[in-house]
C-alpha cells in the first residue's frame, strides 16, 4: 500500500492563509486507512504513528485490534502499555502467539495468560503458531488463567507440536466459550489410552472445526476430536485447505467424524486430490505421469457417506486436478447418501493446479469428460430424488490456479454444465 503523507498545515485558497486541518478529520483518514489493515494498512498505520504525536492515540487504537507477541519481552511491554492506557484493553480482539523459530517453546503463552486473564474483555480470536508446547510450557496454572478469557470464541493452532495429547485436551477445555477450532499442521502423539473425562467436566460447544495438514496430522486430529467428544455440537466441518485430504487412507476416521457430528452438522467442506479416488471396476482418477505409481484400488463401500447427517444444508467439494481425468463417478455416489434438510446447496469445484503448458490440456480433458461421461446425468438423477426437494442451488465450477492463455475452453464450461443437467437447469437451481 502506498502511504500518502499530508502536511499538518494545509494551505487554503482564502485570505486566511494557513489553517490546521481539524483533528477529527485527520482521525477519519486514519480510520479509513485502518480498514485496509489486511492489505498493508498495518505498516502504514505504524508509519503514521511515528509521523505525528497527535496521531499516536488513534493509530494505537487501531493497531491494538490485532496483536502479535513473539516473546516474554513483548508480553511485558504490551502489559505496560495497557496498564498506562486501560481503555485500550477493549480494543484487543485478535492475539497471535508465535515464536521466532519452530524449535522454541512458547513460554510466553503462559506469561500472556497470567498477565491478561480476565483483562481483555473483547478478545475474540487467539492464534498459536510455530511452537512446541511441552509440560514445562503449559503448567496447571496456565489452563486456569486461560479460563479467564470468557469472550474468546476462536482458537487457531498452526504448525504447533503438543508433546502430550492431554495438553491439547486441557487447552481446549480451558476455553469455556470456544466455538471455532482451526488446526493446521498440528502434531500430537498417537493415542495410547483414552482421555480422562473428569479433566474436562464442562466441554466447550464447538460449532466449527477446521483441520488441515499432512495425512498423519489429519488422522490424529480427527481421532482426537472424536475421542475427546468435541464433535457432538459441530455445525461445520472443513477438511483440507492448503493440503488435500487423502480419503483413500482416512476414510474410516472421516466417517467416524461424520457419524459423531450426527444431525447437528449443517456444512461439510473437503479438499480432495484426484489421485485419491481410484475405483475398481468402474474406473477412477489416476495420474498419467509415467513415473507415478498407480494408487491403490478403493472399494466403493469405503467411500464416506452422510447417512448420519440428516440435517445437512451444504456440501462443498474442491477437487484438485493435476492430470487427465478417467472417472469422477464417485461424486454422484457420495451425493446419493445426502438428505438436504432445508435451503440446501451442493458445490463441486475442479481446481486445475497446473502450469501454463498443461492447464489448457487438462481443461480440454475436463470438458471432454463432461460431454462423454454420465457424470452430470447421474448427479441430476440423484438431485431429482425426494431427498433433494428443498435444494436451492447446485454448482459445478472450475478454478484455474495459474494464468492460462485466453484460448483455453473456459467459455464452454457453463454451457456444458447446464446442458448436462437440463431438468435442474429448468428449475433454475444450476449455477
Protein backbone atom coordinates (compact mmCIF):
# COMPACT_ATOMS: atom_id res chain seq x y z
CA UNK A 1 0.00 0.00 0.00
CA UNK A 2 1.27 3.47 -0.92
CA UNK A 3 1.22 5.86 2.02
CA UNK A 4 0.35 9.42 1.15
CA UNK A 5 1.66 11.90 3.69
CA UNK A 6 -0.01 15.30 4.14
CA UNK A 7 1.49 18.31 5.89
CA UNK A 8 -0.03 19.08 9.23
CA UNK A 9 -0.71 22.62 8.00
CA UNK A 10 -2.66 22.96 4.79
CA UNK A 11 -2.63 26.00 2.53
CA UNK A 12 -6.10 27.32 1.81
CA UNK A 13 -7.21 29.44 -1.14
CA UNK A 14 -8.78 32.10 1.03
CA UNK A 15 -7.34 35.16 2.71
CA UNK A 16 -6.95 33.38 6.00
CA UNK A 17 -3.56 32.00 4.98
CA UNK A 18 -2.72 28.81 6.84
CA UNK A 19 -5.20 26.73 8.79
CA UNK A 20 -4.86 23.48 10.69
CA UNK A 21 -6.82 20.51 9.40
CA UNK A 22 -9.23 19.57 12.19
CA UNK A 23 -8.04 16.61 14.22
CA UNK A 24 -11.33 14.80 13.81
CA UNK A 25 -10.82 14.90 10.03
CA UNK A 26 -7.31 13.55 10.39
CA UNK A 27 -8.62 10.75 12.58
CA UNK A 28 -11.28 9.92 10.00
CA UNK A 29 -8.49 9.48 7.47
CA UNK A 30 -6.68 7.16 9.88
CA UNK A 31 -9.91 5.21 10.39
CA UNK A 32 -10.20 4.78 6.64
CA UNK A 33 -6.60 3.57 6.46
CA UNK A 34 -7.29 1.05 9.21
CA UNK A 35 -9.95 -0.53 7.01
CA UNK A 36 -7.14 -1.82 4.77
CA UNK A 37 -5.16 -3.35 7.60
CA UNK A 38 -5.04 -6.76 5.88
CA UNK A 39 -3.66 -5.22 2.68
CA UNK A 40 -0.71 -3.41 4.18
CA UNK A 41 -2.56 -0.87 6.28
CA UNK A 42 -0.81 -2.03 9.44
CA UNK A 43 2.58 -0.86 8.16
CA UNK A 44 1.02 2.40 7.03
CA UNK A 45 -0.51 2.95 10.48
CA UNK A 46 2.86 2.27 12.10
CA UNK A 47 4.38 4.95 9.88
CA UNK A 48 1.61 7.37 10.82
CA UNK A 49 2.18 6.64 14.49
CA UNK A 50 5.77 7.80 14.16
CA UNK A 51 4.87 10.80 12.00
CA UNK A 52 2.76 12.91 14.33
CA UNK A 53 2.16 12.84 18.10
CA UNK A 54 -1.45 13.87 17.56
CA UNK A 55 -1.97 10.70 15.55
CA UNK A 56 -0.47 8.34 18.14
CA UNK A 57 -3.65 7.57 20.15
CA UNK A 58 -5.71 6.83 17.06
CA UNK A 59 -3.02 4.69 15.45
CA UNK A 60 -2.53 2.72 18.65
CA UNK A 61 -6.28 2.33 18.88
CA UNK A 62 -6.38 0.55 15.52
CA UNK A 63 -3.08 -1.30 15.84
CA UNK A 64 -4.18 -2.87 19.11
CA UNK A 65 -7.04 -4.56 17.27
CA UNK A 66 -4.61 -7.31 16.25
CA UNK A 67 -1.51 -8.08 18.33
CA UNK A 68 1.41 -10.43 17.68
CA UNK A 69 3.58 -11.44 20.63
CA UNK A 70 6.88 -13.20 19.90
CA UNK A 71 8.38 -13.50 23.35
CA UNK A 72 8.14 -12.59 27.02
CA UNK A 73 9.68 -9.16 26.48
CA UNK A 74 6.86 -8.25 24.08
CA UNK A 75 4.28 -9.58 26.56
CA UNK A 76 5.73 -7.38 29.31
CA UNK A 77 5.88 -4.33 27.04
CA UNK A 78 2.30 -4.89 25.94
CA UNK A 79 1.20 -5.28 29.56
CA UNK A 80 2.88 -2.00 30.49
CA UNK A 81 1.16 -0.21 27.62
CA UNK A 82 -2.28 -1.43 28.67
CA UNK A 83 -1.65 -0.59 32.32
CA UNK A 84 -0.98 3.00 31.31
CA UNK A 85 -3.92 3.08 28.90
CA UNK A 86 -6.58 0.81 30.34
CA UNK A 87 -9.20 1.95 27.83
CA UNK A 88 -7.13 0.19 25.14
CA UNK A 89 -8.00 -3.19 26.65
CA UNK A 90 -11.38 -3.24 24.95
CA UNK A 91 -9.70 -2.78 21.53
CA UNK A 92 -7.76 -6.06 21.62
CA UNK A 93 -9.69 -8.58 19.51
CA UNK A 94 -7.03 -10.79 17.91
CA UNK A 95 -3.89 -12.06 19.64
CA UNK A 96 -1.25 -14.16 17.91
CA UNK A 97 1.32 -16.07 19.97
CA UNK A 98 4.28 -17.18 17.93
CA UNK A 99 7.98 -17.91 18.27
CA UNK A 100 10.92 -16.78 16.20
CA UNK A 101 11.88 -20.41 15.48
CA UNK A 102 9.72 -23.51 15.33
CA UNK A 103 12.04 -25.39 17.68
CA UNK A 104 11.36 -22.97 20.53
CA UNK A 105 8.74 -23.49 23.15
CA UNK A 106 6.12 -20.76 23.52
CA UNK A 107 6.81 -19.97 27.17
CA UNK A 108 5.32 -16.53 26.67
CA UNK A 109 1.89 -18.16 26.19
CA UNK A 110 1.89 -18.83 29.94
CA UNK A 111 3.07 -15.25 30.60
CA UNK A 112 0.34 -13.85 28.37
CA UNK A 113 -2.36 -15.95 30.03
CA UNK A 114 -1.21 -15.00 33.53
CA UNK A 115 -0.99 -11.26 32.86
CA UNK A 116 -4.16 -10.81 30.82
CA UNK A 117 -6.61 -13.38 32.17
CA UNK A 118 -9.90 -11.58 32.69
CA UNK A 119 -8.42 -8.27 31.48
CA UNK A 120 -9.16 -8.38 27.74
CA UNK A 121 -12.96 -8.20 27.56
CA UNK A 122 -13.11 -8.11 23.74
CA UNK A 123 -10.57 -10.84 22.95
CA UNK A 124 -12.29 -13.00 20.35
CA UNK A 125 -9.55 -14.87 18.49
CA UNK A 126 -6.36 -16.50 19.82
CA UNK A 127 -3.80 -17.92 17.42
CA UNK A 128 -0.81 -20.03 18.46
CA UNK A 129 1.67 -20.78 15.71
CA UNK A 130 5.18 -22.09 15.10
CA UNK A 131 5.65 -23.52 18.57
CA UNK A 132 6.38 -26.62 20.60
CA UNK A 133 4.28 -26.92 23.73
CA UNK A 134 5.69 -29.15 26.45
CA UNK A 135 4.76 -29.91 30.03
CA UNK A 136 7.20 -27.20 31.07
CA UNK A 137 5.48 -24.67 28.80
CA UNK A 138 1.90 -25.32 29.87
CA UNK A 139 1.52 -25.97 33.58
CA UNK A 140 -1.70 -26.25 35.54
CA UNK A 141 -1.84 -22.52 36.33
CA UNK A 142 -1.76 -21.73 32.61
CA UNK A 143 -5.01 -23.60 31.98
CA UNK A 144 -6.61 -21.82 34.95
CA UNK A 145 -5.56 -18.46 33.51
CA UNK A 146 -6.85 -19.37 30.04
CA UNK A 147 -10.28 -20.00 31.54
CA UNK A 148 -10.43 -16.28 32.35
CA UNK A 149 -10.80 -15.32 28.68
CA UNK A 150 -14.58 -15.61 28.70
CA UNK A 151 -15.05 -13.70 25.43
CA UNK A 152 -12.72 -15.93 23.38
CA UNK A 153 -14.57 -17.83 20.65
CA UNK A 154 -11.88 -18.79 18.09
CA UNK A 155 -8.73 -20.84 18.68
CA UNK A 156 -6.34 -21.32 15.77
CA UNK A 157 -3.35 -23.67 16.02
CA UNK A 158 -0.84 -23.56 13.16
CA UNK A 159 2.36 -25.57 13.00
CA UNK A 160 2.15 -26.45 16.68
CA UNK A 161 3.52 -29.58 18.33
CA UNK A 162 1.96 -30.86 21.54
CA UNK A 163 4.20 -33.32 23.35
CA UNK A 164 1.17 -34.87 25.01
CA UNK A 165 -2.44 -35.23 23.86
CA UNK A 166 -3.59 -34.22 27.32
CA UNK A 167 -2.04 -30.77 26.85
CA UNK A 168 -4.16 -30.09 23.77
CA UNK A 169 -7.19 -31.52 25.54
CA UNK A 170 -6.80 -29.24 28.55
CA UNK A 171 -6.04 -26.21 26.37
CA UNK A 172 -9.35 -26.59 24.53
CA UNK A 173 -11.28 -27.39 27.69
CA UNK A 174 -9.86 -24.29 29.40
CA UNK A 175 -11.72 -22.00 26.98
CA UNK A 176 -15.36 -22.06 28.09
CA UNK A 177 -16.76 -20.03 25.19
CA UNK A 178 -14.82 -21.72 22.38
CA UNK A 179 -16.95 -22.16 19.26
CA UNK A 180 -14.42 -22.46 16.42
CA UNK A 181 -11.32 -24.67 16.41
CA UNK A 182 -8.90 -24.42 13.47
CA UNK A 183 -5.94 -26.82 13.38
CA UNK A 184 -3.29 -26.63 10.66
CA UNK A 185 -0.27 -28.93 10.82
CA UNK A 186 -0.87 -29.75 14.48
CA UNK A 187 1.27 -32.65 15.70
CA UNK A 188 0.15 -34.79 18.62
CA UNK A 189 1.33 -38.22 19.79
CA UNK A 190 -0.53 -41.32 18.70
CA UNK A 191 -3.30 -42.32 21.06
CA UNK A 192 -2.24 -44.84 23.68
CA UNK A 193 -5.18 -44.52 26.06
CA UNK A 194 -8.47 -42.71 26.37
CA UNK A 195 -8.54 -39.17 27.68
CA UNK A 196 -9.87 -38.92 31.24
CA UNK A 197 -13.25 -37.22 31.03
CA UNK A 198 -13.03 -35.82 34.56
CA UNK A 199 -10.40 -33.34 33.44
CA UNK A 200 -12.97 -31.54 31.29
CA UNK A 201 -16.36 -31.68 33.04
CA UNK A 202 -17.67 -28.68 31.04
CA UNK A 203 -16.62 -29.11 27.43
CA UNK A 204 -16.92 -26.13 25.13
CA UNK A 205 -19.63 -26.35 22.49
CA UNK A 206 -17.53 -26.29 19.35
CA UNK A 207 -19.65 -25.44 16.30
CA UNK A 208 -16.96 -25.10 13.65
CA UNK A 209 -13.99 -27.44 13.14
CA UNK A 210 -11.27 -26.99 10.53
CA UNK A 211 -8.38 -29.43 10.10
CA UNK A 212 -5.58 -29.16 7.57
CA UNK A 213 -2.14 -30.69 7.15
CA UNK A 214 -0.48 -33.99 6.34
CA UNK A 215 -2.35 -37.28 6.30
CA UNK A 216 -0.86 -38.22 9.67
CA UNK A 217 -1.79 -34.88 11.21
CA UNK A 218 -5.33 -35.04 9.82
CA UNK A 219 -5.90 -38.59 11.00
CA UNK A 220 -4.66 -37.98 14.54
CA UNK A 221 -6.57 -34.71 14.93
CA UNK A 222 -9.79 -36.30 13.72
CA UNK A 223 -9.30 -39.20 16.13
CA UNK A 224 -8.51 -36.76 18.94
CA UNK A 225 -11.64 -34.65 18.38
CA UNK A 226 -13.91 -37.70 18.22
CA UNK A 227 -12.32 -39.35 21.26
CA UNK A 228 -12.48 -36.12 23.27
CA UNK A 229 -16.20 -35.70 22.45
CA UNK A 230 -15.72 -32.29 20.84
CA UNK A 231 -17.83 -33.22 17.80
CA UNK A 232 -21.39 -33.63 19.05
CA UNK A 233 -22.25 -29.96 18.53
CA UNK A 234 -20.47 -29.40 15.22
CA UNK A 235 -22.34 -27.41 12.60
CA UNK A 236 -19.44 -27.01 10.16
CA UNK A 237 -16.58 -29.34 9.24
CA UNK A 238 -13.82 -28.13 6.91
CA UNK A 239 -11.17 -30.67 5.94
CA UNK A 240 -8.18 -29.51 3.94
CA UNK A 241 -7.25 -26.06 2.70
CA UNK A 242 -3.65 -25.83 1.68
CA UNK A 243 -3.47 -29.63 1.51
CA UNK A 244 -5.85 -32.16 0.03
CA UNK A 245 -7.38 -34.90 2.14
CA UNK A 246 -6.25 -38.46 1.30
CA UNK A 247 -9.62 -40.07 1.72
CA UNK A 248 -8.32 -43.43 0.50
CA UNK A 249 -6.40 -43.74 3.77
CA UNK A 250 -8.55 -41.55 6.03
CA UNK A 251 -11.97 -42.83 5.00
CA UNK A 252 -12.62 -44.54 8.35
CA UNK A 253 -11.55 -41.57 10.54
CA UNK A 254 -13.55 -39.12 8.41
CA UNK A 255 -16.58 -41.41 8.60
CA UNK A 256 -16.29 -41.57 12.40
CA UNK A 257 -16.14 -37.77 12.44
CA UNK A 258 -19.30 -37.50 10.33
CA UNK A 259 -21.09 -40.08 12.45
CA UNK A 260 -20.13 -38.37 15.70
CA UNK A 261 -21.32 -35.00 14.40
CA UNK A 262 -24.64 -36.60 13.54
CA UNK A 263 -27.69 -34.43 12.83
CA UNK A 264 -26.10 -31.26 14.19
CA UNK A 265 -23.90 -30.99 11.07
CA UNK A 266 -25.03 -28.37 8.55
CA UNK A 267 -21.97 -27.83 6.31
CA UNK A 268 -19.28 -30.22 5.13
CA UNK A 269 -16.36 -28.93 3.06
CA UNK A 270 -13.45 -31.01 1.85
CA UNK A 271 -10.48 -30.53 -0.48
CA UNK A 272 -9.91 -33.75 -2.39
CA UNK A 273 -6.95 -34.72 -4.55
CA UNK A 274 -7.96 -36.52 -7.73
CA UNK A 275 -5.29 -39.17 -7.12
CA UNK A 276 -7.05 -40.35 -4.01
CA UNK A 277 -10.06 -41.76 -5.80
CA UNK A 278 -9.43 -44.90 -7.74
CA UNK A 279 -12.36 -47.24 -8.08
CA UNK A 280 -12.07 -50.88 -9.05
CA UNK A 281 -14.26 -51.94 -11.94
CA UNK A 282 -15.85 -48.59 -12.71
CA UNK A 283 -12.61 -46.77 -13.18
CA UNK A 284 -11.29 -43.88 -11.19
CA UNK A 285 -8.93 -40.98 -11.11
CA UNK A 286 -5.35 -41.77 -11.84
CA UNK A 287 -2.14 -39.96 -12.57
CA UNK A 288 -0.87 -40.03 -16.12
CA UNK A 289 2.71 -39.45 -15.09
CA UNK A 290 4.85 -42.33 -16.41
CA UNK A 291 6.88 -42.35 -13.23
CA UNK A 292 3.99 -42.25 -10.80
CA UNK A 293 2.92 -45.44 -9.10
CA UNK A 294 -0.77 -46.24 -9.51
CA UNK A 295 -2.75 -45.57 -6.34
CA UNK A 296 -4.41 -48.50 -4.62
CA UNK A 297 -7.90 -49.56 -5.54
CA UNK A 298 -10.58 -48.34 -3.20
CA UNK A 299 -13.78 -50.36 -2.93
CA UNK A 300 -16.98 -48.40 -3.29
CA UNK A 301 -18.03 -49.39 0.21
CA UNK A 302 -15.13 -47.44 1.65
CA UNK A 303 -16.32 -44.09 0.40
CA UNK A 304 -17.66 -41.79 3.10
CA UNK A 305 -21.39 -41.30 3.44
CA UNK A 306 -23.72 -38.81 5.12
CA UNK A 307 -26.34 -41.22 6.38
CA UNK A 308 -25.94 -39.93 9.96
CA UNK A 309 -26.15 -36.26 8.94
CA UNK A 310 -29.86 -35.84 8.35
CA UNK A 311 -29.89 -32.03 8.58
CA UNK A 312 -27.21 -31.13 6.07
CA UNK A 313 -27.60 -27.86 4.23
CA UNK A 314 -24.37 -27.54 2.28
CA UNK A 315 -21.74 -29.93 0.87
CA UNK A 316 -18.66 -28.39 -0.74
CA UNK A 317 -16.11 -30.46 -2.68
CA UNK A 318 -12.96 -28.89 -4.07
CA UNK A 319 -11.17 -31.40 -6.30
CA UNK A 320 -7.59 -30.61 -7.27
CA UNK A 321 -6.79 -31.80 -10.75
CA UNK A 322 -3.25 -32.29 -12.00
CA UNK A 323 -3.65 -34.73 -14.84
CA UNK A 324 -6.01 -36.39 -17.28
CA UNK A 325 -9.39 -37.41 -15.90
CA UNK A 326 -10.57 -41.02 -16.17
CA UNK A 327 -13.56 -41.16 -13.82
CA UNK A 328 -15.46 -38.99 -11.37
CA UNK A 329 -18.38 -41.31 -10.75
CA UNK A 330 -17.65 -41.35 -7.03
CA UNK A 331 -19.22 -37.87 -6.80
CA UNK A 332 -22.85 -38.90 -7.52
CA UNK A 333 -22.33 -41.98 -5.36
CA UNK A 334 -21.34 -39.75 -2.46
CA UNK A 335 -24.24 -37.36 -3.16
CA UNK A 336 -26.66 -40.29 -3.08
CA UNK A 337 -26.15 -40.57 0.69
CA UNK A 338 -27.18 -36.94 1.32
CA UNK A 339 -30.51 -35.65 2.51
CA UNK A 340 -30.84 -31.88 2.29
CA UNK A 341 -32.91 -30.61 5.18
CA UNK A 342 -33.51 -27.03 4.10
CA UNK A 343 -32.06 -24.25 1.94
CA UNK A 344 -29.56 -26.73 0.56
CA UNK A 345 -26.56 -26.26 -1.71
CA UNK A 346 -24.23 -28.70 -3.45
CA UNK A 347 -20.98 -27.26 -4.69
CA UNK A 348 -18.30 -29.00 -6.76
CA UNK A 349 -15.24 -27.09 -7.87
CA UNK A 350 -12.47 -28.53 -10.02
CA UNK A 351 -9.23 -26.78 -9.18
CA UNK A 352 -6.73 -27.01 -12.03
CA UNK A 353 -3.33 -26.69 -10.41
CA UNK A 354 -1.04 -26.94 -13.43
CA UNK A 355 1.39 -24.79 -15.36
CA UNK A 356 0.68 -22.70 -18.42
CA UNK A 357 1.56 -25.63 -20.71
CA UNK A 358 -0.55 -28.31 -19.01
CA UNK A 359 -3.58 -26.31 -17.87
CA UNK A 360 -5.23 -25.95 -21.31
CA UNK A 361 -4.85 -29.67 -21.93
CA UNK A 362 -6.41 -30.52 -18.57
CA UNK A 363 -9.24 -28.04 -19.14
CA UNK A 364 -9.94 -29.62 -22.51
CA UNK A 365 -9.92 -33.06 -20.91
CA UNK A 366 -12.44 -31.92 -18.29
CA UNK A 367 -14.74 -30.55 -20.97
CA UNK A 368 -14.49 -33.75 -22.99
CA UNK A 369 -15.18 -35.78 -19.90
CA UNK A 370 -18.37 -33.84 -19.21
CA UNK A 371 -19.51 -34.35 -22.81
CA UNK A 372 -18.83 -38.08 -22.97
CA UNK A 373 -19.44 -39.35 -19.43
CA UNK A 374 -22.64 -39.82 -17.48
CA UNK A 375 -21.39 -37.77 -14.53
CA UNK A 376 -23.74 -34.80 -14.86
CA UNK A 377 -26.70 -37.04 -15.75
CA UNK A 378 -26.10 -39.19 -12.67
CA UNK A 379 -25.84 -36.12 -10.45
CA UNK A 380 -29.11 -34.84 -11.90
CA UNK A 381 -30.87 -38.18 -11.30
CA UNK A 382 -29.84 -38.09 -7.66
CA UNK A 383 -30.83 -34.47 -7.13
CA UNK A 384 -34.27 -35.18 -8.61
CA UNK A 385 -34.96 -37.59 -5.75
CA UNK A 386 -37.31 -36.53 -2.92
CA UNK A 387 -34.40 -36.08 -0.50
CA UNK A 388 -33.32 -33.02 -2.51
CA UNK A 389 -36.69 -31.35 -2.91
CA UNK A 390 -35.55 -28.32 -0.91
CA UNK A 391 -32.25 -27.92 -2.77
CA UNK A 392 -31.82 -24.29 -3.74
CA UNK A 393 -28.61 -24.46 -5.74
CA UNK A 394 -26.17 -26.86 -7.33
CA UNK A 395 -22.93 -25.52 -8.73
CA UNK A 396 -20.23 -27.19 -10.79
CA UNK A 397 -17.41 -24.71 -11.17
CA UNK A 398 -13.84 -24.63 -12.34
CA UNK A 399 -10.91 -22.69 -10.88
CA UNK A 400 -7.54 -22.29 -12.52
CA UNK A 401 -4.70 -21.60 -10.09
CA UNK A 402 -2.17 -20.29 -12.62
CA UNK A 403 -2.74 -17.94 -15.59
CA UNK A 404 -3.54 -19.62 -18.87
CA UNK A 405 -3.98 -18.41 -22.48
CA UNK A 406 -7.32 -16.85 -23.31
CA UNK A 407 -7.86 -19.53 -25.91
CA UNK A 408 -8.47 -22.13 -23.19
CA UNK A 409 -12.01 -23.62 -23.26
CA UNK A 410 -13.38 -21.78 -20.24
CA UNK A 411 -16.22 -20.22 -22.18
CA UNK A 412 -17.85 -23.61 -22.82
CA UNK A 413 -17.90 -24.70 -19.18
CA UNK A 414 -21.21 -23.08 -18.20
CA UNK A 415 -22.90 -24.38 -21.33
CA UNK A 416 -21.64 -27.90 -20.69
CA UNK A 417 -22.86 -27.95 -17.11
CA UNK A 418 -26.27 -26.53 -17.98
CA UNK A 419 -26.82 -28.86 -20.95
CA UNK A 420 -25.73 -31.85 -18.87
CA UNK A 421 -28.43 -31.18 -16.25
CA UNK A 422 -31.38 -29.79 -18.28
CA UNK A 423 -34.10 -30.60 -15.73
CA UNK A 424 -32.19 -28.90 -12.93
CA UNK A 425 -31.48 -26.00 -15.26
CA UNK A 426 -35.21 -25.70 -15.91
CA UNK A 427 -35.79 -25.49 -12.14
CA UNK A 428 -33.33 -22.60 -12.04
CA UNK A 429 -31.00 -24.11 -9.45
CA UNK A 430 -27.93 -24.73 -11.62
CA UNK A 431 -25.07 -22.28 -11.33
